[in-house]
PDB file of N, CA and C in Angstrom:
ATOM      1  N   MET A   1      22.110 -71.652 -21.337  1.00  0.00           N
ATOM      2  CA  MET A   1      21.729 -71.878 -22.220  1.00  0.00           C
ATOM      3  C   MET A   1      19.855 -71.388 -21.770  1.00  0.00           C
ATOM      4  N   GLN A   2      19.463 -70.740 -22.864  1.00  0.00           N
ATOM      5  CA  GLN A   2      18.479 -70.156 -22.441  1.00  0.00           C
ATOM      6  C   GLN A   2      17.956 -70.965 -23.448  1.00  0.00           C
ATOM      7  N   THR A   3      15.763 -70.989 -23.126  1.00  0.00           N
ATOM      8  CA  THR A   3      15.082 -71.552 -23.304  1.00  0.00           C
ATOM      9  C   THR A   3      14.717 -70.728 -24.496  1.00  0.00           C
ATOM     10  N   ASP A   4      13.642 -71.596 -25.375  1.00  0.00           N
ATOM     11  CA  ASP A   4      13.129 -70.781 -25.804  1.00  0.00           C
ATOM     12  C   ASP A   4      12.465 -69.394 -26.220  1.00  0.00           C
ATOM     13  N   ASN A   5      11.466 -69.625 -24.511  1.00  0.00           N
ATOM     14  CA  ASN A   5      10.621 -68.598 -24.210  1.00  0.00           C
ATOM     15  C   ASN A   5      11.658 -67.486 -23.255  1.00  0.00           C
ATOM     16  N   GLN A   6      12.611 -67.919 -22.894  1.00  0.00           N
ATOM     17  CA  GLN A   6      13.584 -66.864 -22.620  1.00  0.00           C
ATOM     18  C   GLN A   6      13.849 -65.982 -23.609  1.00  0.00           C
ATOM     19  N   LYS A   7      14.229 -66.393 -25.360  1.00  0.00           N
ATOM     20  CA  LYS A   7      15.139 -66.009 -26.034  1.00  0.00           C
ATOM     21  C   LYS A   7      13.708 -64.818 -26.594  1.00  0.00           C
ATOM     22  N   LYS A   8      12.305 -66.015 -25.908  1.00  0.00           N
ATOM     23  CA  LYS A   8      11.518 -65.117 -27.151  1.00  0.00           C
ATOM     24  C   LYS A   8      11.469 -63.527 -26.403  1.00  0.00           C
ATOM     25  N   GLY A   9      11.625 -63.196 -25.129  1.00  0.00           N
ATOM     26  CA  GLY A   9      11.010 -62.989 -24.269  1.00  0.00           C
ATOM     27  C   GLY A   9      12.484 -61.602 -24.474  1.00  0.00           C
ATOM     28  N   ASN A  10      13.046 -62.540 -24.279  1.00  0.00           N
ATOM     29  CA  ASN A  10      14.669 -60.753 -24.400  1.00  0.00           C
ATOM     30  C   ASN A  10      13.908 -60.725 -26.413  1.00  0.00           C
ATOM     31  N   TRP A  11      13.935 -61.247 -26.631  1.00  0.00           N
ATOM     32  CA  TRP A  11      13.515 -60.085 -28.559  1.00  0.00           C
ATOM     33  C   TRP A  11      12.327 -59.312 -28.412  1.00  0.00           C
ATOM     34  N   GLY A  12      11.144 -59.781 -27.227  1.00  0.00           N
ATOM     35  CA  GLY A  12      10.775 -58.809 -27.306  1.00  0.00           C
ATOM     36  C   GLY A  12      11.035 -57.556 -25.995  1.00  0.00           C
ATOM     37  N   GLU A  13      12.173 -57.689 -25.268  1.00  0.00           N
ATOM     38  CA  GLU A  13      12.337 -56.650 -24.338  1.00  0.00           C
ATOM     39  C   GLU A  13      13.474 -55.268 -25.470  1.00  0.00           C
ATOM     40  N   GLU A  14      13.955 -56.157 -26.194  1.00  0.00           N
ATOM     41  CA  GLU A  14      14.473 -55.765 -27.317  1.00  0.00           C
ATOM     42  C   GLU A  14      13.691 -54.913 -28.338  1.00  0.00           C
ATOM     43  N   LYS A  15      13.091 -55.215 -28.869  1.00  0.00           N
ATOM     44  CA  LYS A  15      11.672 -54.109 -29.495  1.00  0.00           C
ATOM     45  C   LYS A  15      11.552 -53.629 -28.575  1.00  0.00           C
ATOM     46  N   ALA A  16       9.679 -53.235 -27.612  1.00  0.00           N
ATOM     47  CA  ALA A  16      10.402 -52.266 -26.747  1.00  0.00           C
ATOM     48  C   ALA A  16      11.068 -51.222 -26.708  1.00  0.00           C
ATOM     49  N   LEU A  17      12.886 -51.349 -25.945  1.00  0.00           N
ATOM     50  CA  LEU A  17      13.771 -50.850 -25.427  1.00  0.00           C
ATOM     51  C   LEU A  17      13.734 -50.313 -27.343  1.00  0.00           C
ATOM     52  N   GLU A  18      13.256 -50.447 -28.300  1.00  0.00           N
ATOM     53  CA  GLU A  18      14.190 -49.564 -29.615  1.00  0.00           C
ATOM     54  C   GLU A  18      12.616 -48.692 -29.473  1.00  0.00           C
ATOM     55  N   TYR A  19      10.777 -49.587 -29.267  1.00  0.00           N
ATOM     56  CA  TYR A  19       9.959 -47.485 -29.003  1.00  0.00           C
ATOM     57  C   TYR A  19      10.587 -47.302 -28.195  1.00  0.00           C
ATOM     58  N   LEU A  20      10.751 -46.552 -27.222  1.00  0.00           N
ATOM     59  CA  LEU A  20      10.228 -46.429 -26.429  1.00  0.00           C
ATOM     60  C   LEU A  20      12.150 -45.190 -26.319  1.00  0.00           C
ATOM     61  N   LEU A  21      13.023 -45.541 -26.851  1.00  0.00           N
ATOM     62  CA  LEU A  21      13.533 -44.898 -27.646  1.00  0.00           C
ATOM     63  C   LEU A  21      13.405 -44.258 -28.477  1.00  0.00           C
ATOM     64  N   GLN A  22      12.609 -44.138 -29.583  1.00  0.00           N
ATOM     65  CA  GLN A  22      12.364 -44.148 -30.676  1.00  0.00           C
ATOM     66  C   GLN A  22      11.277 -42.670 -30.271  1.00  0.00           C
ATOM     67  N   GLN A  23      10.359 -42.468 -29.097  1.00  0.00           N
ATOM     68  CA  GLN A  23       9.536 -42.003 -28.544  1.00  0.00           C
ATOM     69  C   GLN A  23      10.614 -40.683 -27.579  1.00  0.00           C
ATOM     70  N   GLY A  24      11.328 -41.087 -27.889  1.00  0.00           N
ATOM     71  CA  GLY A  24      12.166 -39.880 -27.041  1.00  0.00           C
ATOM     72  C   GLY A  24      13.181 -40.210 -25.345  1.00  0.00           C
ATOM     73  N   TYR A  25      12.501 -41.888 -24.517  1.00  0.00           N
ATOM     74  CA  TYR A  25      12.705 -41.948 -23.692  1.00  0.00           C
ATOM     75  C   TYR A  25      14.470 -42.365 -23.601  1.00  0.00           C
ATOM     76  N   ALA A  26      14.921 -42.489 -22.609  1.00  0.00           N
ATOM     77  CA  ALA A  26      16.687 -42.331 -22.513  1.00  0.00           C
ATOM     78  C   ALA A  26      16.640 -43.867 -21.446  1.00  0.00           C
ATOM     79  N   ILE A  27      17.491 -44.901 -21.634  1.00  0.00           N
ATOM     80  CA  ILE A  27      17.366 -45.680 -20.761  1.00  0.00           C
ATOM     81  C   ILE A  27      18.427 -45.850 -19.929  1.00  0.00           C
ATOM     82  N   ARG A  28      18.231 -46.766 -18.221  1.00  0.00           N
ATOM     83  CA  ARG A  28      18.074 -45.917 -16.922  1.00  0.00           C
ATOM     84  C   ARG A  28      19.010 -47.371 -16.925  1.00  0.00           C
ATOM     85  N   THR A  29      18.435 -48.749 -16.672  1.00  0.00           N
ATOM     86  CA  THR A  29      19.099 -49.701 -16.304  1.00  0.00           C
ATOM     87  C   THR A  29      17.711 -51.154 -16.661  1.00  0.00           C
ATOM     88  N   ARG A  30      17.999 -52.071 -16.907  1.00  0.00           N
ATOM     89  CA  ARG A  30      17.212 -52.767 -17.701  1.00  0.00           C
ATOM     90  C   ARG A  30      17.601 -54.466 -16.998  1.00  0.00           C
ATOM     91  N   ASN A  31      16.138 -55.254 -16.588  1.00  0.00           N
ATOM     92  CA  ASN A  31      16.067 -55.981 -15.954  1.00  0.00           C
ATOM     93  C   ASN A  31      16.518 -56.078 -14.412  1.00  0.00           C
ATOM     94  N   PHE A  32      15.903 -54.681 -13.237  1.00  0.00           N
ATOM     95  CA  PHE A  32      16.219 -54.240 -11.806  1.00  0.00           C
ATOM     96  C   PHE A  32      15.765 -55.606 -11.438  1.00  0.00           C
ATOM     97  N   HIS A  33      16.124 -56.335 -10.441  1.00  0.00           N
ATOM     98  CA  HIS A  33      15.737 -57.529  -9.736  1.00  0.00           C
ATOM     99  C   HIS A  33      16.306 -56.915  -8.051  1.00  0.00           C
ATOM    100  N   THR A  34      15.074 -57.390  -7.290  1.00  0.00           N
ATOM    101  CA  THR A  34      14.993 -57.300  -5.468  1.00  0.00           C
ATOM    102  C   THR A  34      14.485 -58.676  -5.676  1.00  0.00           C
ATOM    103  N   ARG A  35      14.549 -58.809  -4.457  1.00  0.00           N
ATOM    104  CA  ARG A  35      14.281 -60.235  -3.706  1.00  0.00           C
ATOM    105  C   ARG A  35      12.894 -59.794  -3.379  1.00  0.00           C
ATOM    106  N   ASP A  36      12.122 -58.795  -3.609  1.00  0.00           N
ATOM    107  CA  ASP A  36      10.224 -58.300  -3.612  1.00  0.00           C
ATOM    108  C   ASP A  36      10.166 -58.626  -5.382  1.00  0.00           C
ATOM    109  N   GLY A  37      10.590 -58.441  -6.263  1.00  0.00           N
ATOM    110  CA  GLY A  37      10.036 -58.389  -7.660  1.00  0.00           C
ATOM    111  C   GLY A  37      11.369 -57.545  -8.177  1.00  0.00           C
ATOM    112  N   GLU A  38      11.221 -57.346  -9.524  1.00  0.00           N
ATOM    113  CA  GLU A  38      12.083 -56.673 -10.652  1.00  0.00           C
ATOM    114  C   GLU A  38      11.610 -56.479 -12.245  1.00  0.00           C
ATOM    115  N   ILE A  39      11.785 -55.539 -12.685  1.00  0.00           N
ATOM    116  CA  ILE A  39      11.343 -54.804 -13.224  1.00  0.00           C
ATOM    117  C   ILE A  39      12.462 -54.751 -15.018  1.00  0.00           C
ATOM    118  N   ASP A  40      11.262 -55.248 -15.867  1.00  0.00           N
ATOM    119  CA  ASP A  40      12.164 -55.599 -17.704  1.00  0.00           C
ATOM    120  C   ASP A  40      13.509 -54.179 -17.928  1.00  0.00           C
ATOM    121  N   ILE A  41      11.794 -52.888 -17.793  1.00  0.00           N
ATOM    122  CA  ILE A  41      12.910 -51.698 -18.240  1.00  0.00           C
ATOM    123  C   ILE A  41      13.179 -50.689 -17.466  1.00  0.00           C
ATOM    124  N   ILE A  42      13.834 -49.618 -17.250  1.00  0.00           N
ATOM    125  CA  ILE A  42      13.823 -48.666 -16.558  1.00  0.00           C
ATOM    126  C   ILE A  42      14.228 -47.641 -17.494  1.00  0.00           C
ATOM    127  N   MET A  43      13.716 -46.287 -17.840  1.00  0.00           N
ATOM    128  CA  MET A  43      13.600 -45.707 -18.366  1.00  0.00           C
ATOM    129  C   MET A  43      13.120 -44.393 -17.960  1.00  0.00           C
ATOM    130  N   SER A  44      14.140 -42.956 -18.373  1.00  0.00           N
ATOM    131  CA  SER A  44      13.667 -41.717 -17.983  1.00  0.00           C
ATOM    132  C   SER A  44      13.239 -40.423 -19.430  1.00  0.00           C
ATOM    133  N   GLY A  45      12.199 -39.777 -19.314  1.00  0.00           N
ATOM    134  CA  GLY A  45      12.490 -38.442 -20.011  1.00  0.00           C
ATOM    135  C   GLY A  45      11.360 -37.870 -19.787  1.00  0.00           C
ATOM    136  N   HIS A  46      11.066 -37.647 -20.532  1.00  0.00           N
ATOM    137  CA  HIS A  46       9.438 -36.248 -20.495  1.00  0.00           C
ATOM    138  C   HIS A  46       7.964 -37.009 -20.713  1.00  0.00           C
ATOM    139  N   TYR A  47       6.891 -36.367 -19.443  1.00  0.00           N
ATOM    140  CA  TYR A  47       5.947 -36.725 -19.504  1.00  0.00           C
ATOM    141  C   TYR A  47       5.119 -35.271 -20.115  1.00  0.00           C
ATOM    142  N   GLU A  48       4.064 -35.069 -20.758  1.00  0.00           N
ATOM    143  CA  GLU A  48       3.446 -33.583 -21.033  1.00  0.00           C
ATOM    144  C   GLU A  48       4.289 -32.379 -20.191  1.00  0.00           C
ATOM    145  N   GLY A  49       4.952 -32.332 -20.545  1.00  0.00           N
ATOM    146  CA  GLY A  49       6.184 -31.385 -19.957  1.00  0.00           C
ATOM    147  C   GLY A  49       7.246 -32.108 -18.552  1.00  0.00           C
ATOM    148  N   HIS A  50       6.472 -32.566 -18.025  1.00  0.00           N
ATOM    149  CA  HIS A  50       7.521 -32.723 -16.403  1.00  0.00           C
ATOM    150  C   HIS A  50       8.520 -34.391 -16.853  1.00  0.00           C
ATOM    151  N   GLN A  51       9.543 -34.052 -15.804  1.00  0.00           N
ATOM    152  CA  GLN A  51      10.345 -35.330 -16.378  1.00  0.00           C
ATOM    153  C   GLN A  51       9.784 -36.661 -15.860  1.00  0.00           C
ATOM    154  N   ALA A  52      10.680 -37.665 -15.822  1.00  0.00           N
ATOM    155  CA  ALA A  52       9.481 -38.771 -15.609  1.00  0.00           C
ATOM    156  C   ALA A  52      10.337 -39.935 -15.879  1.00  0.00           C
ATOM    157  N   LEU A  53      10.002 -40.889 -14.702  1.00  0.00           N
ATOM    158  CA  LEU A  53      10.616 -41.940 -14.745  1.00  0.00           C
ATOM    159  C   LEU A  53       9.675 -43.805 -15.118  1.00  0.00           C
ATOM    160  N   ALA A  54       9.334 -44.472 -16.016  1.00  0.00           N
ATOM    161  CA  ALA A  54       8.369 -45.085 -16.469  1.00  0.00           C
ATOM    162  C   ALA A  54       9.488 -45.912 -16.060  1.00  0.00           C
ATOM    163  N   PHE A  55       7.870 -47.340 -15.915  1.00  0.00           N
ATOM    164  CA  PHE A  55       8.926 -47.958 -14.885  1.00  0.00           C
ATOM    165  C   PHE A  55       8.010 -49.648 -16.095  1.00  0.00           C
ATOM    166  N   VAL A  56       8.950 -50.478 -17.165  1.00  0.00           N
ATOM    167  CA  VAL A  56       7.974 -51.330 -17.707  1.00  0.00           C
ATOM    168  C   VAL A  56       7.993 -52.073 -17.619  1.00  0.00           C
ATOM    169  N   GLU A  57       7.068 -52.998 -17.799  1.00  0.00           N
ATOM    170  CA  GLU A  57       6.779 -55.073 -17.276  1.00  0.00           C
ATOM    171  C   GLU A  57       6.286 -54.849 -19.294  1.00  0.00           C
ATOM    172  N   VAL A  58       7.523 -55.867 -19.980  1.00  0.00           N
ATOM    173  CA  VAL A  58       7.323 -56.077 -21.005  1.00  0.00           C
ATOM    174  C   VAL A  58       6.734 -57.731 -20.872  1.00  0.00           C
ATOM    175  N   LYS A  59       5.821 -58.214 -22.133  1.00  0.00           N
ATOM    176  CA  LYS A  59       5.028 -59.077 -22.302  1.00  0.00           C
ATOM    177  C   LYS A  59       5.284 -59.321 -23.722  1.00  0.00           C
ATOM    178  N   THR A  60       6.019 -60.580 -24.185  1.00  0.00           N
ATOM    179  CA  THR A  60       5.621 -61.207 -25.615  1.00  0.00           C
ATOM    180  C   THR A  60       5.203 -61.860 -25.610  1.00  0.00           C
ATOM    181  N   ARG A  61       4.250 -61.596 -27.018  1.00  0.00           N
ATOM    182  CA  ARG A  61       2.519 -62.926 -27.536  1.00  0.00           C
ATOM    183  C   ARG A  61       3.711 -63.334 -28.850  1.00  0.00           C
ATOM    184  N   GLN A  62       3.154 -64.305 -29.149  1.00  0.00           N
ATOM    185  CA  GLN A  62       3.221 -64.522 -30.823  1.00  0.00           C
ATOM    186  C   GLN A  62       1.530 -64.131 -31.562  1.00  0.00           C
ATOM    187  N   TYR A  63       0.391 -64.596 -30.500  1.00  0.00           N
ATOM    188  CA  TYR A  63      -0.558 -63.754 -31.089  1.00  0.00           C
ATOM    189  C   TYR A  63      -1.355 -62.977 -29.786  1.00  0.00           C
ATOM    190  N   ASP A  64      -2.117 -61.334 -30.463  1.00  0.00           N
ATOM    191  CA  ASP A  64      -2.371 -60.719 -29.663  1.00  0.00           C
ATOM    192  C   ASP A  64      -3.718 -61.137 -29.284  1.00  0.00           C
ATOM    193  N   ASP A  65      -3.829 -62.290 -28.546  1.00  0.00           N
ATOM    194  CA  ASP A  65      -5.237 -61.915 -28.020  1.00  0.00           C
ATOM    195  C   ASP A  65      -6.226 -62.075 -25.962  1.00  0.00           C
ATOM    196  N   GLY A  66      -4.430 -60.690 -25.680  1.00  0.00           N
ATOM    197  CA  GLY A  66      -5.012 -60.383 -24.625  1.00  0.00           C
ATOM    198  C   GLY A  66      -4.714 -60.780 -23.495  1.00  0.00           C
ATOM    199  N   SER A  67      -3.948 -61.973 -23.570  1.00  0.00           N
ATOM    200  CA  SER A  67      -3.374 -62.755 -22.489  1.00  0.00           C
ATOM    201  C   SER A  67      -2.331 -62.215 -21.821  1.00  0.00           C
ATOM    202  N   ALA A  68      -1.444 -61.034 -22.908  1.00  0.00           N
ATOM    203  CA  ALA A  68      -0.208 -60.580 -21.800  1.00  0.00           C
ATOM    204  C   ALA A  68      -0.677 -59.704 -20.950  1.00  0.00           C
ATOM    205  N   GLU A  69      -1.732 -58.901 -21.635  1.00  0.00           N
ATOM    206  CA  GLU A  69      -2.130 -57.769 -20.111  1.00  0.00           C
ATOM    207  C   GLU A  69      -2.423 -57.995 -18.866  1.00  0.00           C
ATOM    208  N   ARG A  70      -3.780 -59.197 -19.424  1.00  0.00           N
ATOM    209  CA  ARG A  70      -4.189 -59.556 -18.455  1.00  0.00           C
ATOM    210  C   ARG A  70      -3.056 -60.505 -17.224  1.00  0.00           C
ATOM    211  N   SER A  71      -1.610 -60.717 -17.669  1.00  0.00           N
ATOM    212  CA  SER A  71      -1.321 -61.679 -17.255  1.00  0.00           C
ATOM    213  C   SER A  71      -0.068 -60.686 -16.005  1.00  0.00           C
ATOM    214  N   VAL A  72      -0.214 -58.885 -16.279  1.00  0.00           N
ATOM    215  CA  VAL A  72       0.212 -58.257 -15.397  1.00  0.00           C
ATOM    216  C   VAL A  72      -1.030 -58.322 -14.301  1.00  0.00           C
ATOM    217  N   ASP A  73      -1.104 -58.858 -13.089  1.00  0.00           N
ATOM    218  CA  ASP A  73      -1.708 -58.857 -12.453  1.00  0.00           C
ATOM    219  C   ASP A  73      -2.208 -57.303 -11.499  1.00  0.00           C
ATOM    220  N   MET A  74      -2.602 -58.011 -10.031  1.00  0.00           N
ATOM    221  CA  MET A  74      -3.050 -57.482  -8.122  1.00  0.00           C
ATOM    222  C   MET A  74      -1.146 -57.528  -8.383  1.00  0.00           C
ATOM    223  N   ARG A  75      -0.611 -58.927  -7.780  1.00  0.00           N
ATOM    224  CA  ARG A  75      -0.157 -59.418  -7.120  1.00  0.00           C
ATOM    225  C   ARG A  75       1.772 -58.899  -8.040  1.00  0.00           C
ATOM    226  N   LYS A  76       1.525 -58.655  -9.622  1.00  0.00           N
ATOM    227  CA  LYS A  76       2.427 -58.198 -10.244  1.00  0.00           C
ATOM    228  C   LYS A  76       2.820 -57.496  -9.984  1.00  0.00           C
ATOM    229  N   ARG A  77       1.612 -56.235 -10.571  1.00  0.00           N
ATOM    230  CA  ARG A  77       1.737 -54.496  -9.885  1.00  0.00           C
ATOM    231  C   ARG A  77       2.218 -54.366  -7.906  1.00  0.00           C
ATOM    232  N   ALA A  78       1.704 -55.075  -7.194  1.00  0.00           N
ATOM    233  CA  ALA A  78       2.357 -54.880  -6.131  1.00  0.00           C
ATOM    234  C   ALA A  78       4.200 -55.115  -6.041  1.00  0.00           C
ATOM    235  N   LYS A  79       4.413 -56.232  -6.763  1.00  0.00           N
ATOM    236  CA  LYS A  79       6.279 -56.913  -6.955  1.00  0.00           C
ATOM    237  C   LYS A  79       6.442 -55.439  -7.474  1.00  0.00           C
ATOM    238  N   MET A  80       6.035 -55.169  -8.473  1.00  0.00           N
ATOM    239  CA  MET A  80       6.694 -53.576  -9.952  1.00  0.00           C
ATOM    240  C   MET A  80       6.756 -52.281  -8.112  1.00  0.00           C
ATOM    241  N   LEU A  81       5.735 -51.917  -7.932  1.00  0.00           N
ATOM    242  CA  LEU A  81       5.795 -51.080  -7.149  1.00  0.00           C
ATOM    243  C   LEU A  81       6.771 -51.138  -5.880  1.00  0.00           C
ATOM    244  N   LYS A  82       6.882 -52.442  -5.631  1.00  0.00           N
ATOM    245  CA  LYS A  82       8.319 -52.703  -3.835  1.00  0.00           C
ATOM    246  C   LYS A  82       9.339 -52.524  -5.180  1.00  0.00           C
ATOM    247  N   ALA A  83       9.858 -52.526  -6.085  1.00  0.00           N
ATOM    248  CA  ALA A  83      10.730 -52.838  -7.141  1.00  0.00           C
ATOM    249  C   ALA A  83      11.070 -51.673  -7.359  1.00  0.00           C
ATOM    250  N   THR A  84      10.027 -50.416  -7.678  1.00  0.00           N
ATOM    251  CA  THR A  84      10.088 -48.860  -8.217  1.00  0.00           C
ATOM    252  C   THR A  84      10.474 -48.800  -7.016  1.00  0.00           C
ATOM    253  N   ARG A  85      10.071 -48.753  -5.558  1.00  0.00           N
ATOM    254  CA  ARG A  85      10.446 -47.994  -4.225  1.00  0.00           C
ATOM    255  C   ARG A  85      11.802 -48.082  -4.073  1.00  0.00           C
ATOM    256  N   GLU A  86      12.307 -49.711  -4.427  1.00  0.00           N
ATOM    257  CA  GLU A  86      13.644 -49.783  -3.694  1.00  0.00           C
ATOM    258  C   GLU A  86      14.645 -49.276  -4.641  1.00  0.00           C
ATOM    259  N   TYR A  87      14.664 -49.448  -5.953  1.00  0.00           N
ATOM    260  CA  TYR A  87      15.579 -48.856  -7.097  1.00  0.00           C
ATOM    261  C   TYR A  87      15.246 -47.116  -6.465  1.00  0.00           C
ATOM    262  N   CYS A  88      14.809 -46.665  -6.436  1.00  0.00           N
ATOM    263  CA  CYS A  88      14.277 -45.037  -6.561  1.00  0.00           C
ATOM    264  C   CYS A  88      15.606 -45.489  -4.615  1.00  0.00           C
ATOM    265  N   ARG A  89      15.138 -45.256  -3.680  1.00  0.00           N
ATOM    266  CA  ARG A  89      15.459 -45.921  -2.452  1.00  0.00           C
ATOM    267  C   ARG A  89      16.936 -45.629  -2.709  1.00  0.00           C
ATOM    268  N   GLN A  90      17.205 -47.012  -3.568  1.00  0.00           N
ATOM    269  CA  GLN A  90      18.818 -47.229  -4.230  1.00  0.00           C
ATOM    270  C   GLN A  90      19.874 -45.806  -4.648  1.00  0.00           C
ATOM    271  N   LYS A  91      19.014 -44.895  -5.433  1.00  0.00           N
ATOM    272  CA  LYS A  91      19.275 -44.155  -6.392  1.00  0.00           C
ATOM    273  C   LYS A  91      19.185 -43.077  -5.636  1.00  0.00           C
ATOM    274  N   CYS A  92      18.692 -42.382  -5.129  1.00  0.00           N
ATOM    275  CA  CYS A  92      17.786 -41.565  -3.752  1.00  0.00           C
ATOM    276  C   CYS A  92      17.424 -40.361  -4.879  1.00  0.00           C
ATOM    277  N   ILE A  93      16.594 -40.918  -5.429  1.00  0.00           N
ATOM    278  CA  ILE A  93      15.104 -39.993  -6.491  1.00  0.00           C
ATOM    279  C   ILE A  93      14.562 -40.152  -5.765  1.00  0.00           C
ATOM    280  N   ASP A  94      14.201 -38.532  -5.443  1.00  0.00           N
ATOM    281  CA  ASP A  94      13.063 -37.785  -4.895  1.00  0.00           C
ATOM    282  C   ASP A  94      12.190 -39.137  -5.821  1.00  0.00           C
ATOM    283  N   VAL A  95      10.844 -39.369  -5.828  1.00  0.00           N
ATOM    284  CA  VAL A  95      10.034 -39.524  -6.752  1.00  0.00           C
ATOM    285  C   VAL A  95       9.098 -37.743  -6.457  1.00  0.00           C
ATOM    286  N   ASP A  96       9.010 -37.072  -5.326  1.00  0.00           N
ATOM    287  CA  ASP A  96       8.358 -35.927  -5.828  1.00  0.00           C
ATOM    288  C   ASP A  96       8.970 -35.327  -6.838  1.00  0.00           C
ATOM    289  N   ASP A  97      10.248 -35.284  -7.607  1.00  0.00           N
ATOM    290  CA  ASP A  97      10.721 -34.395  -8.857  1.00  0.00           C
ATOM    291  C   ASP A  97      10.249 -35.369  -9.893  1.00  0.00           C
ATOM    292  N   PHE A  98       9.375 -36.407  -9.909  1.00  0.00           N
ATOM    293  CA  PHE A  98       9.405 -36.857 -11.182  1.00  0.00           C
ATOM    294  C   PHE A  98       7.666 -37.378 -11.857  1.00  0.00           C
ATOM    295  N   VAL A  99       6.980 -37.474 -12.699  1.00  0.00           N
ATOM    296  CA  VAL A  99       6.069 -38.073 -13.033  1.00  0.00           C
ATOM    297  C   VAL A  99       6.852 -39.353 -13.722  1.00  0.00           C
ATOM    298  N   ILE A 100       5.750 -40.300 -11.994  1.00  0.00           N
ATOM    299  CA  ILE A 100       6.245 -42.160 -12.503  1.00  0.00           C
ATOM    300  C   ILE A 100       5.112 -42.796 -13.317  1.00  0.00           C
ATOM    301  N   LEU A 101       5.727 -43.123 -14.357  1.00  0.00           N
ATOM    302  CA  LEU A 101       4.741 -44.245 -15.107  1.00  0.00           C
ATOM    303  C   LEU A 101       4.943 -45.137 -14.507  1.00  0.00           C
ATOM    304  N   PHE A 102       4.148 -46.346 -14.776  1.00  0.00           N
ATOM    305  CA  PHE A 102       4.113 -47.725 -14.946  1.00  0.00           C
ATOM    306  C   PHE A 102       3.807 -48.177 -16.341  1.00  0.00           C
ATOM    307  N   LEU A 103       3.882 -48.969 -16.493  1.00  0.00           N
ATOM    308  CA  LEU A 103       3.772 -49.672 -18.456  1.00  0.00           C
ATOM    309  C   LEU A 103       4.156 -50.986 -18.294  1.00  0.00           C
ATOM    310  N   CYS A 104       2.249 -51.922 -18.960  1.00  0.00           N
ATOM    311  CA  CYS A 104       2.744 -52.773 -19.684  1.00  0.00           C
ATOM    312  C   CYS A 104       3.052 -52.982 -21.521  1.00  0.00           C
ATOM    313  N   MET A 105       4.142 -52.437 -22.023  1.00  0.00           N
ATOM    314  CA  MET A 105       4.440 -53.051 -23.623  1.00  0.00           C
ATOM    315  C   MET A 105       3.968 -54.543 -23.784  1.00  0.00           C
ATOM    316  N   VAL A 106       3.333 -54.511 -24.471  1.00  0.00           N
ATOM    317  CA  VAL A 106       2.958 -55.585 -25.333  1.00  0.00           C
ATOM    318  C   VAL A 106       3.567 -55.837 -26.350  1.00  0.00           C
ATOM    319  N   VAL A 107       4.596 -56.899 -26.339  1.00  0.00           N
ATOM    320  CA  VAL A 107       5.229 -56.968 -29.080  1.00  0.00           C
ATOM    321  C   VAL A 107       4.658 -58.477 -28.199  1.00  0.00           C
ATOM    322  N   CYS A 108       4.395 -58.472 -29.655  1.00  0.00           N
ATOM    323  CA  CYS A 108       3.091 -59.310 -30.883  1.00  0.00           C
ATOM    324  C   CYS A 108       4.122 -60.263 -32.383  1.00  0.00           C
ATOM    325  N   GLY A 109       4.187 -60.525 -32.813  1.00  0.00           N
ATOM    326  CA  GLY A 109       4.331 -60.972 -33.519  1.00  0.00           C
ATOM    327  C   GLY A 109       5.600 -61.997 -33.521  1.00  0.00           C
ATOM    328  N   ASN A 110       6.946 -61.501 -34.557  1.00  0.00           N
ATOM    329  CA  ASN A 110       7.728 -62.330 -34.622  1.00  0.00           C
ATOM    330  C   ASN A 110       9.088 -61.877 -35.225  1.00  0.00           C
ATOM    331  N   GLU A 111      10.060 -61.793 -35.183  1.00  0.00           N
ATOM    332  CA  GLU A 111      11.312 -61.495 -35.842  1.00  0.00           C
ATOM    333  C   GLU A 111      10.722 -60.449 -37.854  1.00  0.00           C
ATOM    334  N   LYS A 112       9.810 -61.006 -38.798  1.00  0.00           N
ATOM    335  CA  LYS A 112       9.326 -61.045 -39.932  1.00  0.00           C
ATOM    336  C   LYS A 112       8.208 -60.014 -39.380  1.00  0.00           C
ATOM    337  N   LYS A 113       7.328 -59.772 -38.654  1.00  0.00           N
ATOM    338  CA  LYS A 113       6.115 -59.048 -38.350  1.00  0.00           C
ATOM    339  C   LYS A 113       5.465 -58.681 -37.495  1.00  0.00           C
ATOM    340  N   HIS A 114       6.098 -57.665 -36.582  1.00  0.00           N
ATOM    341  CA  HIS A 114       5.730 -57.446 -34.795  1.00  0.00           C
ATOM    342  C   HIS A 114       4.550 -56.219 -34.743  1.00  0.00           C
ATOM    343  N   SER A 115       4.782 -56.198 -33.697  1.00  0.00           N
ATOM    344  CA  SER A 115       3.911 -54.774 -33.616  1.00  0.00           C
ATOM    345  C   SER A 115       4.152 -55.083 -31.757  1.00  0.00           C
ATOM    346  N   VAL A 116       3.842 -53.439 -31.357  1.00  0.00           N
ATOM    347  CA  VAL A 116       4.115 -53.278 -29.890  1.00  0.00           C
ATOM    348  C   VAL A 116       2.800 -52.470 -29.386  1.00  0.00           C
ATOM    349  N   HIS A 117       2.691 -52.224 -28.308  1.00  0.00           N
ATOM    350  CA  HIS A 117       1.237 -51.701 -27.811  1.00  0.00           C
ATOM    351  C   HIS A 117       1.497 -51.131 -26.205  1.00  0.00           C
ATOM    352  N   VAL A 118       1.049 -50.232 -25.413  1.00  0.00           N
ATOM    353  CA  VAL A 118       1.852 -49.773 -24.640  1.00  0.00           C
ATOM    354  C   VAL A 118       0.423 -49.169 -23.896  1.00  0.00           C
ATOM    355  N   TYR A 119       0.201 -50.208 -22.694  1.00  0.00           N
ATOM    356  CA  TYR A 119      -0.565 -49.616 -21.397  1.00  0.00           C
ATOM    357  C   TYR A 119      -0.048 -49.346 -20.761  1.00  0.00           C
ATOM    358  N   ASP A 120      -0.797 -48.118 -19.784  1.00  0.00           N
ATOM    359  CA  ASP A 120      -0.726 -47.855 -18.721  1.00  0.00           C
ATOM    360  C   ASP A 120      -1.085 -48.558 -17.618  1.00  0.00           C
ATOM    361  N   LEU A 121      -0.869 -48.371 -16.769  1.00  0.00           N
ATOM    362  CA  LEU A 121      -1.119 -50.013 -15.303  1.00  0.00           C
ATOM    363  C   LEU A 121      -1.283 -49.138 -14.560  1.00  0.00           C
ATOM    364  N   PRO A 122      -2.750 -49.364 -14.030  1.00  0.00           N
ATOM    365  CA  PRO A 122      -3.412 -48.695 -12.928  1.00  0.00           C
ATOM    366  C   PRO A 122      -2.882 -48.581 -11.653  1.00  0.00           C
TER     367      PRO A 122
END
């Protein structure tokens, strides 16, 4: 059985996915796990005229207080990078053929009223 936080997180991932699909991205996989880390959503699409892969960390919060962005710290980013490398290795993806995007998507609010913010991860 899912906890309330897991339900909220799944809802936030659905909202983030809807947003990315509206932006023209196609889903490749969700919840990609490795022993070193995981990636919530992996999408493909176009960015500035080039083929792109987007590796997305989704954070869901009740309020937009900046805590979601702060929670994606250097340790989490390093884990995302390791998981990205493993995904590309498993799928035989040559990263030179793609623009690689690392995104943090923050979904704030509830089912009645919510907002989605997208941040590039450096």
